C-alpha atoms as a PDB file:
ATOM      1  CA  MET A   1      41.740 102.562   9.458  1.00  0.00           C
ATOM      2  CA  ALA A   2      43.000 105.892   8.480  1.00  0.00           C
ATOM      3  CA  LYS A   3      41.863 107.550   5.325  1.00  0.00           C
ATOM      4  CA  ARG A   4      44.191 108.027   2.473  1.00  0.00           C
ATOM      5  CA  THR A   5      45.537 111.609   2.011  1.00  0.00           C
ATOM      6  CA  LEU A   6      43.850 113.347  -0.917  1.00  0.00           C
ATOM      7  CA  ASN A   7      45.807 114.956  -3.727  1.00  0.00           C
ATOM      8  CA  ARG A   8      46.446 118.456  -2.378  1.00  0.00           C
ATOM      9  CA  ARG A   9      47.279 119.940  -5.785  1.00  0.00           C
ATOM     10  CA  GLU A  10      43.877 119.022  -7.138  1.00  0.00           C
ATOM     11  CA  LEU A  11      42.193 120.412  -4.055  1.00  0.00           C
ATOM     12  CA  ARG A  12      44.130 123.672  -4.401  1.00  0.00           C
ATOM     13  CA  GLN A  13      43.187 124.010  -8.079  1.00  0.00           C
ATOM     14  CA  GLN A  14      39.531 123.440  -7.233  1.00  0.00           C
ATOM     15  CA  ALA A  15      39.675 126.064  -4.460  1.00  0.00           C
ATOM     16  CA  ASP A  16      41.355 128.601  -6.773  1.00  0.00           C
ATOM     17  CA  ALA A  17      38.752 127.990  -9.475  1.00  0.00           C
ATOM     18  CA  ALA A  18      35.911 128.439  -6.982  1.00  0.00           C
ATOM     19  CA  GLU A  19      37.510 131.638  -5.639  1.00  0.00           C
ATOM     20  CA  GLN A  20      37.955 133.074  -9.143  1.00  0.00           C
ATOM     21  CA  SER A  21      34.367 132.329 -10.092  1.00  0.00           C
ATOM     22  CA  ALA A  22      33.115 133.879  -6.823  1.00  0.00           C
ATOM     23  CA  SER A  23      35.235 136.993  -7.305  1.00  0.00           C
ATOM     24  CA  ALA A  24      34.098 137.276 -10.935  1.00  0.00           C
ATOM     25  CA  THR A  25      30.440 137.167  -9.922  1.00  0.00           C
ATOM     26  CA  ALA A  26      31.083 139.646  -7.130  1.00  0.00           C
ATOM     27  CA  ALA A  27      32.855 141.976  -9.584  1.00  0.00           C
ATOM     28  CA  THR A  28      29.944 141.833 -12.003  1.00  0.00           C
ATOM     29  CA  GLU A  29      27.510 142.545  -9.143  1.00  0.00           C
ATOM     30  CA  VAL A  30      29.609 145.522  -8.023  1.00  0.00           C
ATOM     31  CA  ALA A  31      29.830 146.798 -11.594  1.00  0.00           C
ATOM     32  CA  ALA A  32      26.077 146.411 -11.974  1.00  0.00           C
ATOM     33  CA  THR A  33      25.414 148.342  -8.767  1.00  0.00           C
ATOM     34  CA  LYS A  34      27.794 151.095  -9.816  1.00  0.00           C
ATOM     35  CA  LYS A  35      25.969 151.492 -13.097  1.00  0.00           C
ATOM     36  CA  THR A  36      22.618 151.823 -11.377  1.00  0.00           C
ATOM     37  CA  LYS A  37      23.738 154.593  -9.004  1.00  0.00           C
ATOM     38  CA  LYS A  38      22.417 158.028  -9.782  1.00  0.00           C
ATOM     39  CA  PRO A  39      24.951 160.753 -10.452  1.00  0.00           C
ATOM     40  CA  ALA A  40      25.665 163.007  -7.505  1.00  0.00           C
ATOM     41  CA  VAL A  41      23.628 166.196  -7.447  1.00  0.00           C
ATOM     42  CA  LYS A  42      25.858 169.248  -7.419  1.00  0.00           C
ATOM     43  CA  ARG A  43      24.645 171.811  -4.960  1.00  0.00           C
ATOM     44  CA  LYS A  44      25.205 175.483  -5.334  1.00  0.00           C
ATOM     45  CA  PRO A  45      27.333 176.987  -2.588  1.00  0.00           C
ATOM     46  CA  ARG A  46      25.576 179.340  -0.232  1.00  0.00           C
ATOM     47  CA  ALA A  47      25.880 183.013  -0.979  1.00  0.00           C
ATOM     48  CA  LYS A  48      28.199 184.615   1.544  1.00  0.00           C
ATOM     49  CA  LYS A  49      26.675 187.276   3.724  1.00  0.00           C
ATOM     50  CA  ALA A  50      28.194 190.701   3.409  1.00  0.00           C
ATOM     51  CA  PRO A  51      29.925 191.780   6.609  1.00  0.00           C
ATOM     52  CA  PRO A  52      27.995 194.432   8.547  1.00  0.00           C
ATOM     53  CA  ARG A  53      28.945 198.050   7.979  1.00  0.00           C
ATOM     54  CA  MET A  54      30.942 199.447  10.870  1.00  0.00           C
ATOM     55  CA  CYS A  55      31.015 202.947  12.328  1.00  0.00           C
ATOM     56  CA  ALA A  56      34.128 204.273  14.132  1.00  0.00           C
ATOM     57  CA  ARG A  57      33.606 206.400  17.239  1.00  0.00           C
ATOM     58  CA  TRP A  58      35.850 207.707  20.027  1.00  0.00           C
ATOM     59  CA  GLY A  59      35.320 206.097  23.414  1.00  0.00           C
ATOM     60  CA  VAL A  60      36.538 207.519  26.709  1.00  0.00           C
ATOM     61  CA  PHE A  61      37.483 204.700  29.085  1.00  0.00           C
ATOM     62  CA  ASP A  62      38.650 204.579  32.685  1.00  0.00           C
ATOM     63  CA  GLY A  63      41.376 202.368  34.145  1.00  0.00           C
ATOM     64  CA  SER A  64      39.057 199.373  34.513  1.00  0.00           C
ATOM     65  CA  MET A  65      38.086 199.525  30.812  1.00  0.00           C
ATOM     66  CA  LYS A  66      34.589 200.853  31.542  1.00  0.00           C
ATOM     67  CA  GLN A  67      33.258 203.141  28.849  1.00  0.00           C
ATOM     68  CA  VAL A  68      32.597 206.540  30.384  1.00  0.00           C
ATOM     69  CA  ALA A  69      31.581 208.498  27.286  1.00  0.00           C
ATOM     70  CA  ILE A  70      31.388 208.087  23.524  1.00  0.00           C
ATOM     71  CA  PHE A  71      31.790 210.660  20.754  1.00  0.00           C
ATOM     72  CA  ASP A  72      31.429 210.589  16.989  1.00  0.00           C
ATOM     73  CA  TYR A  73      34.651 210.176  15.038  1.00  0.00           C
ATOM     74  CA  ASN A  74      34.712 213.809  13.907  1.00  0.00           C
ATOM     75  CA  GLN A  75      34.456 215.057  17.538  1.00  0.00           C
ATOM     76  CA  ARG A  76      37.956 214.106  18.731  1.00  0.00           C
ATOM     77  CA  GLY A  77      38.484 217.542  20.323  1.00  0.00           C
ATOM     78  CA  ALA A  78      35.395 217.147  22.490  1.00  0.00           C
ATOM     79  CA  ALA A  79      36.595 213.694  23.561  1.00  0.00           C
ATOM     80  CA  ASP A  80      40.005 215.101  24.557  1.00  0.00           C
ATOM     81  CA  GLU A  81      38.252 217.844  26.561  1.00  0.00           C
ATOM     82  CA  LYS A  82      36.166 215.204  28.354  1.00  0.00           C
ATOM     83  CA  ILE A  83      39.356 213.319  29.313  1.00  0.00           C
ATOM     84  CA  ALA A  84      40.966 216.522  30.641  1.00  0.00           C
ATOM     85  CA  ASP A  85      37.801 217.328  32.620  1.00  0.00           C
ATOM     86  CA  LEU A  86      37.607 213.833  34.146  1.00  0.00           C
ATOM     87  CA  GLN A  87      41.294 213.830  35.111  1.00  0.00           C
ATOM     88  CA  SER A  88      40.980 217.241  36.793  1.00  0.00           C
ATOM     89  CA  ARG A  89      37.869 216.205  38.771  1.00  0.00           C
ATOM     90  CA  LYS A  90      38.641 212.580  39.657  1.00  0.00           C
ATOM     91  CA  LYS A  91      41.672 210.513  40.457  1.00  0.00           C
ATOM     92  CA  GLY A  92      42.377 207.724  38.039  1.00  0.00           C
ATOM     93  CA  VAL A  93      43.475 206.940  34.538  1.00  0.00           C
ATOM     94  CA  TYR A  94      41.312 207.902  31.575  1.00  0.00           C
ATOM     95  CA  PHE A  95      42.178 207.261  27.956  1.00  0.00           C
ATOM     96  CA  LEU A  96      40.761 207.503  24.461  1.00  0.00           C
ATOM     97  CA  GLN A  97      40.194 204.501  22.187  1.00  0.00           C
ATOM     98  CA  ILE A  98      38.415 203.890  18.894  1.00  0.00           C
ATOM     99  CA  VAL A  99      35.214 201.872  19.237  1.00  0.00           C
ATOM    100  CA  LYS A 100      33.757 200.178  16.179  1.00  0.00           C
ATOM    101  CA  GLU A 101      30.012 199.605  16.219  1.00  0.00           C
ATOM    102  CA  ALA A 102      27.755 198.018  13.658  1.00  0.00           C
ATOM    103  CA  MET A 103      25.740 200.609  11.795  1.00  0.00           C
ATOM    104  CA  PRO A 104      21.979 200.106  11.859  1.00  0.00           C
ATOM    105  CA  GLU A 105      20.457 198.880   8.630  1.00  0.00           C
ATOM    106  CA  PRO A 106      18.857 201.702   6.629  1.00  0.00           C
ATOM    107  CA  VAL A 107      15.078 201.507   6.697  1.00  0.00           C
ATOM    108  CA  GLU A 108      13.580 201.606   3.245  1.00  0.00           C
ATOM    109  CA  ALA A 109      11.047 204.394   2.945  1.00  0.00           C
ATOM    110  CA  VAL A 110       7.681 203.159   1.768  1.00  0.00           C
ATOM    111  CA  SER A 111       6.198 205.698  -0.607  1.00  0.00           C
ATOM    112  CA  VAL A 112       2.449 206.039  -0.459  1.00  0.00           C
ATOM    113  CA  GLU A 113       0.902 207.351  -3.637  1.00  0.00           C
ATOM    114  CA  SER A 114      -2.307 209.253  -3.213  1.00  0.00           C
ATOM    115  CA  GLU A 115      -5.047 208.431  -5.633  1.00  0.00           C
ATOM    116  CA  VAL A 116      -6.354 211.335  -7.689  1.00  0.00           C
END
């Protein structure tokens, strides 16, 4: 014989009650774990490195962008003379362009004191 159908309302109420009790215990467990967590350690940001000091110089280049000669920034006249000399001697295109190079770091002088 077939079984009699159970009261579905009662079954639903029992399931809801079990779900609420399970969620309540889970919420208390989650709250307990949140309380036990250590606060996040704030780290200091890294100090940014200063960009390297740059030095401007005049570069004499040929048509294929090869550097032929280089002059200090205050020697523009000498660079122009070099271009005129190259154009009179050789065929091709020569031009002047600023070249920026990193300056070498200054070496700290170590003072040696003589004992008296």
